[in-house]
Structures are given as structure tokens and as C-alpha cells.
Amino acid sequence: MSSSNPKLNEEIAELHAKFCSAISDPRRIMLLYAIQDEPRNVSSLARAVGISQPAASRHLKILKQTGMVDPCRAGSSVIYRLTDPRLLEALDLLREMLYERLEHRAQLISGE
């Protein structure tokens, strides 16, 4: 998808790069999938992903800064939700492509 407006294209490319940077860590991807299952607080997300609570907080801060998650206060807790379900659809599409690439490589190695 491209626009005839070079300035707009540049801004989109910058946002795209920031998005890709935010999902460059596997733990952040795992957090996004855990949030998709159900909105959760930091402690629950940390347990679901198998990382410490401080590490989960740091990763969630990055996801929040890029607009991927939305923190909502619920009493004394903060619950994180996805801002757009299409985010996981995009990640699923990429996973599917990567899985097919790995299958292809495995076939080449095995000589099939």
C-alpha cells in the first residue's frame, strides 16, 4: 500500500520500523499472544510467558509506547489489552510464512 505523498510514505515507513522494532523480541511477541487470550495484569502476563514481573513491565512499556497495548486501571491493578486485533492477524500471517519457509528448507535438506 503506497501513497503518492512522499512525506506520508516516509512517516508510514518510520512507524513500520518502530512497529518491527517493538516486536523484535520474542518475549514481546509472546506477551501479545498472551494478551490476545485474555486481557491480564503484569503478574499474570509474566507467569504466562515465563519471565519476571519487572521484565514483563519493561516489555509492556515498549508495547504501550508503540500503541500495541492499552493499559486500563482496574482497582489497584493495571490490565493490558490489545489496541487492535489485526496486530495478531499480521503476526499470524508472518508465522505462517516462516513456518512454510522452514518446511521448505527441511525438504531441501532431506532431499525430498
PDB file of N, CA and C in Angstrom:
ATOM      1  N   MET A   1       0.847  -1.162   0.000  1.00  0.00           N
ATOM      2  CA  MET A   1       0.000   0.000   0.000  1.00  0.00           C
ATOM      3  C   MET A   1       0.897   1.232   0.000  1.00  0.00           C
ATOM      4  N   SER A   2       0.741   2.069  -1.001  1.00  0.00           N
ATOM      5  CA  SER A   2       1.608   3.221  -1.116  1.00  0.00           C
ATOM      6  C   SER A   2       0.787   4.450  -1.489  1.00  0.00           C
ATOM      7  N   SER A   3       1.239   5.585  -1.053  1.00  0.00           N
ATOM      8  CA  SER A   3       0.576   6.852  -1.336  1.00  0.00           C
ATOM      9  C   SER A   3       1.455   7.655  -2.289  1.00  0.00           C
ATOM     10  N   SER A   4       0.837   8.581  -2.996  1.00  0.00           N
ATOM     11  CA  SER A   4       1.612   9.454  -3.873  1.00  0.00           C
ATOM     12  C   SER A   4       2.249  10.600  -3.084  1.00  0.00           C
ATOM     13  N   ASN A   5       1.999  10.634  -1.789  1.00  0.00           N
ATOM     14  CA  ASN A   5       2.545  11.670  -0.923  1.00  0.00           C
ATOM     15  C   ASN A   5       3.842  11.161  -0.295  1.00  0.00           C
ATOM     16  N   PRO A   6       5.004  11.665  -0.747  1.00  0.00           N
ATOM     17  CA  PRO A   6       6.284  11.178  -0.215  1.00  0.00           C
ATOM     18  C   PRO A   6       6.425  11.374   1.299  1.00  0.00           C
ATOM     19  N   LYS A   7       5.918  12.456   1.822  1.00  0.00           N
ATOM     20  CA  LYS A   7       6.016  12.726   3.261  1.00  0.00           C
ATOM     21  C   LYS A   7       5.219  11.682   4.045  1.00  0.00           C
ATOM     22  N   LEU A   8       4.023  11.354   3.557  1.00  0.00           N
ATOM     23  CA  LEU A   8       3.192  10.348   4.201  1.00  0.00           C
ATOM     24  C   LEU A   8       3.880   8.982   4.135  1.00  0.00           C
ATOM     25  N   ASN A   9       4.456   8.651   2.985  1.00  0.00           N
ATOM     26  CA  ASN A   9       5.176   7.380   2.842  1.00  0.00           C
ATOM     27  C   ASN A   9       6.340   7.297   3.824  1.00  0.00           C
ATOM     28  N   GLU A  10       7.038   8.405   4.007  1.00  0.00           N
ATOM     29  CA  GLU A  10       8.158   8.440   4.951  1.00  0.00           C
ATOM     30  C   GLU A  10       7.672   8.223   6.385  1.00  0.00           C
ATOM     31  N   GLU A  11       6.569   8.862   6.753  1.00  0.00           N
ATOM     32  CA  GLU A  11       6.017   8.695   8.097  1.00  0.00           C
ATOM     33  C   GLU A  11       5.552   7.261   8.324  1.00  0.00           C
ATOM     34  N   ILE A  12       4.912   6.670   7.322  1.00  0.00           N
ATOM     35  CA  ILE A  12       4.452   5.286   7.428  1.00  0.00           C
ATOM     36  C   ILE A  12       5.660   4.356   7.579  1.00  0.00           C
ATOM     37  N   ALA A  13       6.711   4.594   6.799  1.00  0.00           N
ATOM     38  CA  ALA A  13       7.914   3.757   6.891  1.00  0.00           C
ATOM     39  C   ALA A  13       8.536   3.872   8.276  1.00  0.00           C
ATOM     40  N   GLU A  14       8.532   5.051   8.858  1.00  0.00           N
ATOM     41  CA  GLU A  14       9.071   5.255  10.206  1.00  0.00           C
ATOM     42  C   GLU A  14       8.241   4.488  11.243  1.00  0.00           C
ATOM     43  N   LEU A  15       6.921   4.576  11.136  1.00  0.00           N
ATOM     44  CA  LEU A  15       6.048   3.836  12.049  1.00  0.00           C
ATOM     45  C   LEU A  15       6.227   2.330  11.867  1.00  0.00           C
ATOM     46  N   HIS A  16       6.378   1.905  10.635  1.00  0.00           N
ATOM     47  CA  HIS A  16       6.587   0.486  10.325  1.00  0.00           C
ATOM     48  C   HIS A  16       7.864  -0.013  11.011  1.00  0.00           C
ATOM     49  N   ALA A  17       8.926   0.766  10.915  1.00  0.00           N
ATOM     50  CA  ALA A  17      10.195   0.392  11.536  1.00  0.00           C
ATOM     51  C   ALA A  17      10.063   0.313  13.053  1.00  0.00           C
ATOM     52  N   LYS A  18       9.351   1.260  13.659  1.00  0.00           N
ATOM     53  CA  LYS A  18       9.151   1.242  15.108  1.00  0.00           C
ATOM     54  C   LYS A  18       8.325   0.023  15.522  1.00  0.00           C
ATOM     55  N   PHE A  19       7.322  -0.299  14.727  1.00  0.00           N
ATOM     56  CA  PHE A  19       6.499  -1.479  14.975  1.00  0.00           C
ATOM     57  C   PHE A  19       7.364  -2.737  14.948  1.00  0.00           C
ATOM     58  N   CYS A  20       8.170  -2.868  13.897  1.00  0.00           N
ATOM     59  CA  CYS A  20       9.033  -4.049  13.766  1.00  0.00           C
ATOM     60  C   CYS A  20      10.045  -4.121  14.902  1.00  0.00           C
ATOM     61  N   SER A  21      10.558  -2.992  15.314  1.00  0.00           N
ATOM     62  CA  SER A  21      11.493  -2.955  16.436  1.00  0.00           C
ATOM     63  C   SER A  21      10.814  -3.432  17.717  1.00  0.00           C
ATOM     64  N   ALA A  22       9.566  -3.025  17.915  1.00  0.00           N
ATOM     65  CA  ALA A  22       8.838  -3.411  19.124  1.00  0.00           C
ATOM     66  C   ALA A  22       8.570  -4.908  19.184  1.00  0.00           C
ATOM     67  N   ILE A  23       8.429  -5.548  18.043  1.00  0.00           N
ATOM     68  CA  ILE A  23       8.170  -6.991  18.055  1.00  0.00           C
ATOM     69  C   ILE A  23       9.432  -7.791  17.752  1.00  0.00           C
ATOM     70  N   SER A  24      10.577  -7.149  17.867  1.00  0.00           N
ATOM     71  CA  SER A  24      11.839  -7.834  17.574  1.00  0.00           C
ATOM     72  C   SER A  24      12.284  -8.760  18.705  1.00  0.00           C
ATOM     73  N   ASP A  25      11.635  -8.681  19.837  1.00  0.00           N
ATOM     74  CA  ASP A  25      11.979  -9.550  20.970  1.00  0.00           C
ATOM     75  C   ASP A  25      10.912 -10.631  21.102  1.00  0.00           C
ATOM     76  N   PRO A  26      11.307 -11.897  21.124  1.00  0.00           N
ATOM     77  CA  PRO A  26      10.321 -12.984  21.214  1.00  0.00           C
ATOM     78  C   PRO A  26       9.405 -12.893  22.434  1.00  0.00           C
ATOM     79  N   ARG A  27       9.928 -12.356  23.548  1.00  0.00           N
ATOM     80  CA  ARG A  27       9.082 -12.242  24.748  1.00  0.00           C
ATOM     81  C   ARG A  27       7.946 -11.253  24.535  1.00  0.00           C
ATOM     82  N   ARG A  28       8.182 -10.202  23.763  1.00  0.00           N
ATOM     83  CA  ARG A  28       7.109  -9.244  23.490  1.00  0.00           C
ATOM     84  C   ARG A  28       6.043  -9.884  22.598  1.00  0.00           C
ATOM     85  N   ILE A  29       6.470 -10.699  21.657  1.00  0.00           N
ATOM     86  CA  ILE A  29       5.500 -11.414  20.817  1.00  0.00           C
ATOM     87  C   ILE A  29       4.679 -12.358  21.692  1.00  0.00           C
ATOM     88  N   MET A  30       5.345 -13.061  22.591  1.00  0.00           N
ATOM     89  CA  MET A  30       4.637 -13.974  23.491  1.00  0.00           C
ATOM     90  C   MET A  30       3.654 -13.213  24.385  1.00  0.00           C
ATOM     91  N   LEU A  31       4.040 -12.030  24.834  1.00  0.00           N
ATOM     92  CA  LEU A  31       3.130 -11.210  25.640  1.00  0.00           C
ATOM     93  C   LEU A  31       1.896 -10.823  24.838  1.00  0.00           C
ATOM     94  N   LEU A  32       2.093 -10.452  23.586  1.00  0.00           N
ATOM     95  CA  LEU A  32       0.952 -10.080  22.745  1.00  0.00           C
ATOM     96  C   LEU A  32      -0.017 -11.246  22.587  1.00  0.00           C
ATOM     97  N   TYR A  33       0.518 -12.435  22.356  1.00  0.00           N
ATOM     98  CA  TYR A  33      -0.358 -13.604  22.231  1.00  0.00           C
ATOM     99  C   TYR A  33      -1.058 -13.914  23.559  1.00  0.00           C
ATOM    100  N   ALA A  34      -0.370 -13.723  24.672  1.00  0.00           N
ATOM    101  CA  ALA A  34      -0.984 -13.963  25.977  1.00  0.00           C
ATOM    102  C   ALA A  34      -2.112 -12.967  26.236  1.00  0.00           C
ATOM    103  N   ILE A  35      -1.925 -11.734  25.805  1.00  0.00           N
ATOM    104  CA  ILE A  35      -2.965 -10.715  25.975  1.00  0.00           C
ATOM    105  C   ILE A  35      -4.144 -11.023  25.070  1.00  0.00           C
ATOM    106  N   GLN A  36      -3.871 -11.592  23.902  1.00  0.00           N
ATOM    107  CA  GLN A  36      -4.958 -11.951  22.988  1.00  0.00           C
ATOM    108  C   GLN A  36      -5.870 -12.974  23.656  1.00  0.00           C
ATOM    109  N   ASP A  37      -5.283 -13.932  24.372  1.00  0.00           N
ATOM    110  CA  ASP A  37      -6.079 -14.956  25.054  1.00  0.00           C
ATOM    111  C   ASP A  37      -7.071 -14.307  26.021  1.00  0.00           C
ATOM    112  N   GLU A  38      -6.580 -13.346  26.788  1.00  0.00           N
ATOM    113  CA  GLU A  38      -7.431 -12.582  27.693  1.00  0.00           C
ATOM    114  C   GLU A  38      -6.642 -11.394  28.229  1.00  0.00           C
ATOM    115  N   PRO A  39      -7.303 -10.243  28.381  1.00  0.00           N
ATOM    116  CA  PRO A  39      -6.615  -9.103  28.998  1.00  0.00           C
ATOM    117  C   PRO A  39      -6.143  -9.502  30.383  1.00  0.00           C
ATOM    118  N   ARG A  40      -4.921  -9.091  30.734  1.00  0.00           N
ATOM    119  CA  ARG A  40      -4.322  -9.526  32.006  1.00  0.00           C
ATOM    120  C   ARG A  40      -3.491  -8.425  32.631  1.00  0.00           C
ATOM    121  N   ASN A  41      -3.170  -8.638  33.906  1.00  0.00           N
ATOM    122  CA  ASN A  41      -2.255  -7.716  34.583  1.00  0.00           C
ATOM    123  C   ASN A  41      -0.820  -8.200  34.384  1.00  0.00           C
ATOM    124  N   VAL A  42       0.132  -7.398  34.821  1.00  0.00           N
ATOM    125  CA  VAL A  42       1.549  -7.683  34.603  1.00  0.00           C
ATOM    126  C   VAL A  42       1.964  -9.019  35.221  1.00  0.00           C
ATOM    127  N   SER A  43       1.549  -9.279  36.440  1.00  0.00           N
ATOM    128  CA  SER A  43       1.944 -10.523  37.112  1.00  0.00           C
ATOM    129  C   SER A  43       1.443 -11.743  36.355  1.00  0.00           C
ATOM    130  N   SER A  44       0.199 -11.705  35.924  1.00  0.00           N
ATOM    131  CA  SER A  44      -0.381 -12.823  35.186  1.00  0.00           C
ATOM    132  C   SER A  44       0.337 -13.014  33.844  1.00  0.00           C
ATOM    133  N   LEU A  45       0.651 -11.916  33.181  1.00  0.00           N
ATOM    134  CA  LEU A  45       1.371 -11.993  31.905  1.00  0.00           C
ATOM    135  C   LEU A  45       2.772 -12.553  32.107  1.00  0.00           C
ATOM    136  N   ALA A  46       3.438 -12.118  33.166  1.00  0.00           N
ATOM    137  CA  ALA A  46       4.795 -12.613  33.448  1.00  0.00           C
ATOM    138  C   ALA A  46       4.765 -14.126  33.648  1.00  0.00           C
ATOM    139  N   ARG A  47       3.798 -14.608  34.418  1.00  0.00           N
ATOM    140  CA  ARG A  47       3.671 -16.059  34.639  1.00  0.00           C
ATOM    141  C   ARG A  47       3.359 -16.783  33.330  1.00  0.00           C
ATOM    142  N   ALA A  48       2.460 -16.235  32.542  1.00  0.00           N
ATOM    143  CA  ALA A  48       2.056 -16.881  31.285  1.00  0.00           C
ATOM    144  C   ALA A  48       3.226 -17.027  30.323  1.00  0.00           C
ATOM    145  N   VAL A  49       4.120 -16.046  30.331  1.00  0.00           N
ATOM    146  CA  VAL A  49       5.244 -16.032  29.392  1.00  0.00           C
ATOM    147  C   VAL A  49       6.503 -16.646  30.008  1.00  0.00           C
ATOM    148  N   GLY A  50       6.526 -16.768  31.332  1.00  0.00           N
ATOM    149  CA  GLY A  50       7.683 -17.359  31.993  1.00  0.00           C
ATOM    150  C   GLY A  50       8.842 -16.401  32.189  1.00  0.00           C
ATOM    151  N   ILE A  51       8.512 -15.139  32.477  1.00  0.00           N
ATOM    152  CA  ILE A  51       9.545 -14.130  32.735  1.00  0.00           C
ATOM    153  C   ILE A  51       9.222 -13.446  34.062  1.00  0.00           C
ATOM    154  N   SER A  52      10.174 -12.669  34.557  1.00  0.00           N
ATOM    155  CA  SER A  52       9.944 -11.961  35.824  1.00  0.00           C
ATOM    156  C   SER A  52       8.956 -10.815  35.611  1.00  0.00           C
ATOM    157  N   GLN A  53       8.353 -10.387  36.713  1.00  0.00           N
ATOM    158  CA  GLN A  53       7.412  -9.268  36.635  1.00  0.00           C
ATOM    159  C   GLN A  53       8.103  -7.985  36.165  1.00  0.00           C
ATOM    160  N   PRO A  54       9.322  -7.663  36.666  1.00  0.00           N
ATOM    161  CA  PRO A  54       9.996  -6.464  36.155  1.00  0.00           C
ATOM    162  C   PRO A  54      10.298  -6.544  34.654  1.00  0.00           C
ATOM    163  N   ALA A  55      10.666  -7.729  34.165  1.00  0.00           N
ATOM    164  CA  ALA A  55      10.931  -7.891  32.730  1.00  0.00           C
ATOM    165  C   ALA A  55       9.642  -7.696  31.937  1.00  0.00           C
ATOM    166  N   ALA A  56       8.549  -8.266  32.425  1.00  0.00           N
ATOM    167  CA  ALA A  56       7.257  -8.090  31.747  1.00  0.00           C
ATOM    168  C   ALA A  56       6.882  -6.621  31.704  1.00  0.00           C
ATOM    169  N   SER A  57       7.105  -5.908  32.789  1.00  0.00           N
ATOM    170  CA  SER A  57       6.794  -4.471  32.831  1.00  0.00           C
ATOM    171  C   SER A  57       7.600  -3.703  31.791  1.00  0.00           C
ATOM    172  N   ARG A  58       8.891  -4.031  31.674  1.00  0.00           N
ATOM    173  CA  ARG A  58       9.730  -3.344  30.677  1.00  0.00           C
ATOM    174  C   ARG A  58       9.231  -3.612  29.263  1.00  0.00           C
ATOM    175  N   HIS A  59       8.897  -4.862  28.978  1.00  0.00           N
ATOM    176  CA  HIS A  59       8.414  -5.207  27.633  1.00  0.00           C
ATOM    177  C   HIS A  59       7.059  -4.557  27.354  1.00  0.00           C
ATOM    178  N   LEU A  60       6.186  -4.550  28.346  1.00  0.00           N
ATOM    179  CA  LEU A  60       4.872  -3.935  28.166  1.00  0.00           C
ATOM    180  C   LEU A  60       4.993  -2.431  27.945  1.00  0.00           C
ATOM    181  N   LYS A  61       5.975  -1.819  28.570  1.00  0.00           N
ATOM    182  CA  LYS A  61       6.196  -0.385  28.366  1.00  0.00           C
ATOM    183  C   LYS A  61       6.502  -0.104  26.893  1.00  0.00           C
ATOM    184  N   ILE A  62       7.327  -0.938  26.284  1.00  0.00           N
ATOM    185  CA  ILE A  62       7.662  -0.767  24.862  1.00  0.00           C
ATOM    186  C   ILE A  62       6.428  -0.987  24.003  1.00  0.00           C
ATOM    187  N   LEU A  63       5.655  -2.023  24.314  1.00  0.00           N
ATOM    188  CA  LEU A  63       4.443  -2.298  23.541  1.00  0.00           C
ATOM    189  C   LEU A  63       3.426  -1.159  23.699  1.00  0.00           C
ATOM    190  N   LYS A  64       3.390  -0.567  24.883  1.00  0.00           N
ATOM    191  CA  LYS A  64       2.497   0.569  25.125  1.00  0.00           C
ATOM    192  C   LYS A  64       2.965   1.795  24.334  1.00  0.00           C
ATOM    193  N   GLN A  65       4.266   2.053  24.347  1.00  0.00           N
ATOM    194  CA  GLN A  65       4.809   3.218  23.642  1.00  0.00           C
ATOM    195  C   GLN A  65       4.551   3.153  22.141  1.00  0.00           C
ATOM    196  N   THR A  66       4.494   1.955  21.594  1.00  0.00           N
ATOM    197  CA  THR A  66       4.234   1.807  20.163  1.00  0.00           C
ATOM    198  C   THR A  66       2.741   1.671  19.857  1.00  0.00           C
ATOM    199  N   GLY A  67       1.914   1.743  20.889  1.00  0.00           N
ATOM    200  CA  GLY A  67       0.474   1.727  20.687  1.00  0.00           C
ATOM    201  C   GLY A  67      -0.117   0.351  20.441  1.00  0.00           C
ATOM    202  N   MET A  68       0.605  -0.697  20.798  1.00  0.00           N
ATOM    203  CA  MET A  68       0.105  -2.053  20.566  1.00  0.00           C
ATOM    204  C   MET A  68      -0.784  -2.546  21.695  1.00  0.00           C
ATOM    205  N   VAL A  69      -0.511  -2.079  22.910  1.00  0.00           N
ATOM    206  CA  VAL A  69      -1.336  -2.458  24.051  1.00  0.00           C
ATOM    207  C   VAL A  69      -1.853  -1.203  24.739  1.00  0.00           C
ATOM    208  N   ASP A  70      -2.962  -1.401  25.417  1.00  0.00           N
ATOM    209  CA  ASP A  70      -3.604  -0.301  26.125  1.00  0.00           C
ATOM    210  C   ASP A  70      -3.776  -0.705  27.581  1.00  0.00           C
ATOM    211  N   PRO A  71      -3.108   0.004  28.498  1.00  0.00           N
ATOM    212  CA  PRO A  71      -3.279  -0.315  29.908  1.00  0.00           C
ATOM    213  C   PRO A  71      -4.546   0.348  30.456  1.00  0.00           C
ATOM    214  N   CYS A  72      -5.337  -0.407  31.191  1.00  0.00           N
ATOM    215  CA  CYS A  72      -6.552   0.126  31.808  1.00  0.00           C
ATOM    216  C   CYS A  72      -6.513  -0.198  33.291  1.00  0.00           C
ATOM    217  N   ARG A  73      -6.737   0.801  34.111  1.00  0.00           N
ATOM    218  CA  ARG A  73      -6.719   0.596  35.561  1.00  0.00           C
ATOM    219  C   ARG A  73      -8.006  -0.113  35.976  1.00  0.00           C
ATOM    220  N   ALA A  74      -7.825  -1.141  36.788  1.00  0.00           N
ATOM    221  CA  ALA A  74      -8.953  -1.891  37.356  1.00  0.00           C
ATOM    222  C   ALA A  74      -8.680  -2.041  38.844  1.00  0.00           C
ATOM    223  N   GLY A  75      -9.148  -1.085  39.619  1.00  0.00           N
ATOM    224  CA  GLY A  75      -8.847  -1.065  41.055  1.00  0.00           C
ATOM    225  C   GLY A  75      -7.381  -0.760  41.257  1.00  0.00           C
ATOM    226  N   SER A  76      -6.676  -1.625  41.957  1.00  0.00           N
ATOM    227  CA  SER A  76      -5.250  -1.397  42.205  1.00  0.00           C
ATOM    228  C   SER A  76      -4.382  -2.040  41.122  1.00  0.00           C
ATOM    229  N   SER A  77      -5.011  -2.669  40.164  1.00  0.00           N
ATOM    230  CA  SER A  77      -4.281  -3.386  39.120  1.00  0.00           C
ATOM    231  C   SER A  77      -4.390  -2.665  37.781  1.00  0.00           C
ATOM    232  N   VAL A  78      -3.427  -2.922  36.899  1.00  0.00           N
ATOM    233  CA  VAL A  78      -3.478  -2.415  35.535  1.00  0.00           C
ATOM    234  C   VAL A  78      -3.638  -3.612  34.615  1.00  0.00           C
ATOM    235  N   ILE A  79      -4.675  -3.582  33.799  1.00  0.00           N
ATOM    236  CA  ILE A  79      -4.973  -4.667  32.875  1.00  0.00           C
ATOM    237  C   ILE A  79      -4.578  -4.216  31.473  1.00  0.00           C
ATOM    238  N   TYR A  80      -3.866  -5.080  30.769  1.00  0.00           N
ATOM    239  CA  TYR A  80      -3.403  -4.765  29.415  1.00  0.00           C
ATOM    240  C   TYR A  80      -4.289  -5.451  28.393  1.00  0.00           C
ATOM    241  N   ARG A  81      -4.654  -4.679  27.363  1.00  0.00           N
ATOM    242  CA  ARG A  81      -5.467  -5.172  26.250  1.00  0.00           C
ATOM    243  C   ARG A  81      -4.775  -4.821  24.944  1.00  0.00           C
ATOM    244  N   LEU A  82      -5.052  -5.598  23.911  1.00  0.00           N
ATOM    245  CA  LEU A  82      -4.565  -5.247  22.574  1.00  0.00           C
ATOM    246  C   LEU A  82      -5.338  -4.038  22.072  1.00  0.00           C
ATOM    247  N   THR A  83      -4.649  -3.140  21.382  1.00  0.00           N
ATOM    248  CA  THR A  83      -5.346  -1.980  20.844  1.00  0.00           C
ATOM    249  C   THR A  83      -6.054  -2.310  19.529  1.00  0.00           C
ATOM    250  N   ASP A  84      -5.563  -3.330  18.824  1.00  0.00           N
ATOM    251  CA  ASP A  84      -6.155  -3.689  17.533  1.00  0.00           C
ATOM    252  C   ASP A  84      -5.925  -5.177  17.286  1.00  0.00           C
ATOM    253  N   PRO A  85      -6.988  -5.958  17.138  1.00  0.00           N
ATOM    254  CA  PRO A  85      -6.821  -7.401  16.925  1.00  0.00           C
ATOM    255  C   PRO A  85      -6.090  -7.738  15.616  1.00  0.00           C
ATOM    256  N   ARG A  86      -6.051  -6.809  14.685  1.00  0.00           N
ATOM    257  CA  ARG A  86      -5.341  -7.058  13.421  1.00  0.00           C
ATOM    258  C   ARG A  86      -3.844  -7.235  13.646  1.00  0.00           C
ATOM    259  N   LEU A  87      -3.349  -6.748  14.757  1.00  0.00           N
ATOM    260  CA  LEU A  87      -1.941  -6.928  15.109  1.00  0.00           C
ATOM    261  C   LEU A  87      -1.589  -8.406  15.139  1.00  0.00           C
ATOM    262  N   LEU A  88      -2.418  -9.207  15.799  1.00  0.00           N
ATOM    263  CA  LEU A  88      -2.156 -10.646  15.874  1.00  0.00           C
ATOM    264  C   LEU A  88      -2.424 -11.327  14.535  1.00  0.00           C
ATOM    265  N   GLU A  89      -3.346 -10.799  13.759  1.00  0.00           N
ATOM    266  CA  GLU A  89      -3.570 -11.343  12.423  1.00  0.00           C
ATOM    267  C   GLU A  89      -2.305 -11.169  11.577  1.00  0.00           C
ATOM    268  N   ALA A  90      -1.662 -10.010  11.703  1.00  0.00           N
ATOM    269  CA  ALA A  90      -0.413  -9.764  10.969  1.00  0.00           C
ATOM    270  C   ALA A  90       0.688 -10.698  11.453  1.00  0.00           C
ATOM    271  N   LEU A  91       0.799 -10.881  12.758  1.00  0.00           N
ATOM    272  CA  LEU A  91       1.807 -11.792  13.311  1.00  0.00           C
ATOM    273  C   LEU A  91       1.526 -13.233  12.882  1.00  0.00           C
ATOM    274  N   ASP A  92       0.253 -13.630  12.853  1.00  0.00           N
ATOM    275  CA  ASP A  92      -0.108 -14.978  12.408  1.00  0.00           C
ATOM    276  C   ASP A  92       0.272 -15.196  10.949  1.00  0.00           C
ATOM    277  N   LEU A  93       0.053 -14.192  10.117  1.00  0.00           N
ATOM    278  CA  LEU A  93       0.407 -14.289   8.700  1.00  0.00           C
ATOM    279  C   LEU A  93       1.921 -14.451   8.543  1.00  0.00           C
ATOM    280  N   LEU A  94       2.665 -13.698   9.295  1.00  0.00           N
ATOM    281  CA  LEU A  94       4.124 -13.807   9.259  1.00  0.00           C
ATOM    282  C   LEU A  94       4.572 -15.183   9.756  1.00  0.00           C
ATOM    283  N   ARG A  95       3.962 -15.667  10.833  1.00  0.00           N
ATOM    284  CA  ARG A  95       4.292 -17.006  11.350  1.00  0.00           C
ATOM    285  C   ARG A  95       4.023 -18.086  10.308  1.00  0.00           C
ATOM    286  N   GLU A  96       2.906 -17.961   9.627  1.00  0.00           N
ATOM    287  CA  GLU A  96       2.560 -18.937   8.589  1.00  0.00           C
ATOM    288  C   GLU A  96       3.622 -18.944   7.491  1.00  0.00           C
ATOM    289  N   MET A  97       4.038 -17.758   7.073  1.00  0.00           N
ATOM    290  CA  MET A  97       5.061 -17.650   6.042  1.00  0.00           C
ATOM    291  C   MET A  97       6.383 -18.257   6.521  1.00  0.00           C
ATOM    292  N   LEU A  98       6.764 -17.977   7.756  1.00  0.00           N
ATOM    293  CA  LEU A  98       8.013 -18.509   8.309  1.00  0.00           C
ATOM    294  C   LEU A  98       7.949 -20.025   8.460  1.00  0.00           C
ATOM    295  N   TYR A  99       6.807 -20.535   8.887  1.00  0.00           N
ATOM    296  CA  TYR A  99       6.640 -21.978   9.020  1.00  0.00           C
ATOM    297  C   TYR A  99       6.810 -22.654   7.658  1.00  0.00           C
ATOM    298  N   GLU A 100       6.192 -22.089   6.629  1.00  0.00           N
ATOM    299  CA  GLU A 100       6.314 -22.651   5.282  1.00  0.00           C
ATOM    300  C   GLU A 100       7.761 -22.598   4.798  1.00  0.00           C
ATOM    301  N   ARG A 101       8.466 -21.534   5.125  1.00  0.00           N
ATOM    302  CA  ARG A 101       9.875 -21.425   4.745  1.00  0.00           C
ATOM    303  C   ARG A 101      10.715 -22.499   5.427  1.00  0.00           C
ATOM    304  N   LEU A 102      10.461 -22.727   6.715  1.00  0.00           N
ATOM    305  CA  LEU A 102      11.186 -23.778   7.441  1.00  0.00           C
ATOM    306  C   LEU A 102      10.873 -25.162   6.873  1.00  0.00           C
ATOM    307  N   GLU A 103       9.613 -25.395   6.540  1.00  0.00           N
ATOM    308  CA  GLU A 103       9.244 -26.682   5.922  1.00  0.00           C
ATOM    309  C   GLU A 103       9.979 -26.881   4.607  1.00  0.00           C
ATOM    310  N   HIS A 104      10.062 -25.820   3.812  1.00  0.00           N
ATOM    311  CA  HIS A 104      10.739 -25.886   2.529  1.00  0.00           C
ATOM    312  C   HIS A 104      12.227 -26.208   2.724  1.00  0.00           C
ATOM    313  N   ARG A 105      12.842 -25.535   3.690  1.00  0.00           N
ATOM    314  CA  ARG A 105      14.262 -25.797   3.997  1.00  0.00           C
ATOM    315  C   ARG A 105      14.469 -27.245   4.428  1.00  0.00           C
ATOM    316  N   ALA A 106      13.586 -27.734   5.277  1.00  0.00           N
ATOM    317  CA  ALA A 106      13.696 -29.108   5.755  1.00  0.00           C
ATOM    318  C   ALA A 106      13.585 -30.098   4.597  1.00  0.00           C
ATOM    319  N   GLN A 107      12.716 -29.804   3.651  1.00  0.00           N
ATOM    320  CA  GLN A 107      12.574 -30.659   2.473  1.00  0.00           C
ATOM    321  C   GLN A 107      13.840 -30.631   1.624  1.00  0.00           C
ATOM    322  N   LEU A 108      14.434 -29.458   1.473  1.00  0.00           N
ATOM    323  CA  LEU A 108      15.675 -29.348   0.697  1.00  0.00           C
ATOM    324  C   LEU A 108      16.800 -30.146   1.360  1.00  0.00           C
ATOM    325  N   ILE A 109      16.867 -30.058   2.686  1.00  0.00           N
ATOM    326  CA  ILE A 109      17.926 -30.766   3.416  1.00  0.00           C
ATOM    327  C   ILE A 109      17.736 -32.281   3.341  1.00  0.00           C
ATOM    328  N   SER A 110      16.480 -32.723   3.435  1.00  0.00           N
ATOM    329  CA  SER A 110      16.219 -34.167   3.414  1.00  0.00           C
ATOM    330  C   SER A 110      16.219 -34.721   2.001  1.00  0.00           C
ATOM    331  N   GLY A 111      16.272 -33.853   1.001  1.00  0.00           N
ATOM    332  CA  GLY A 111      16.345 -34.297  -0.396  1.00  0.00           C
ATOM    333  C   GLY A 111      15.017 -34.729  -0.988  1.00  0.00           C
ATOM    334  N   GLU A 112      13.933 -34.309  -0.371  1.00  0.00           N
ATOM    335  CA  GLU A 112      12.597 -34.678  -0.888  1.00  0.00           C
ATOM    336  C   GLU A 112      12.226 -33.830  -2.074  1.00  0.00           C
TER     337      GLU A 112
END
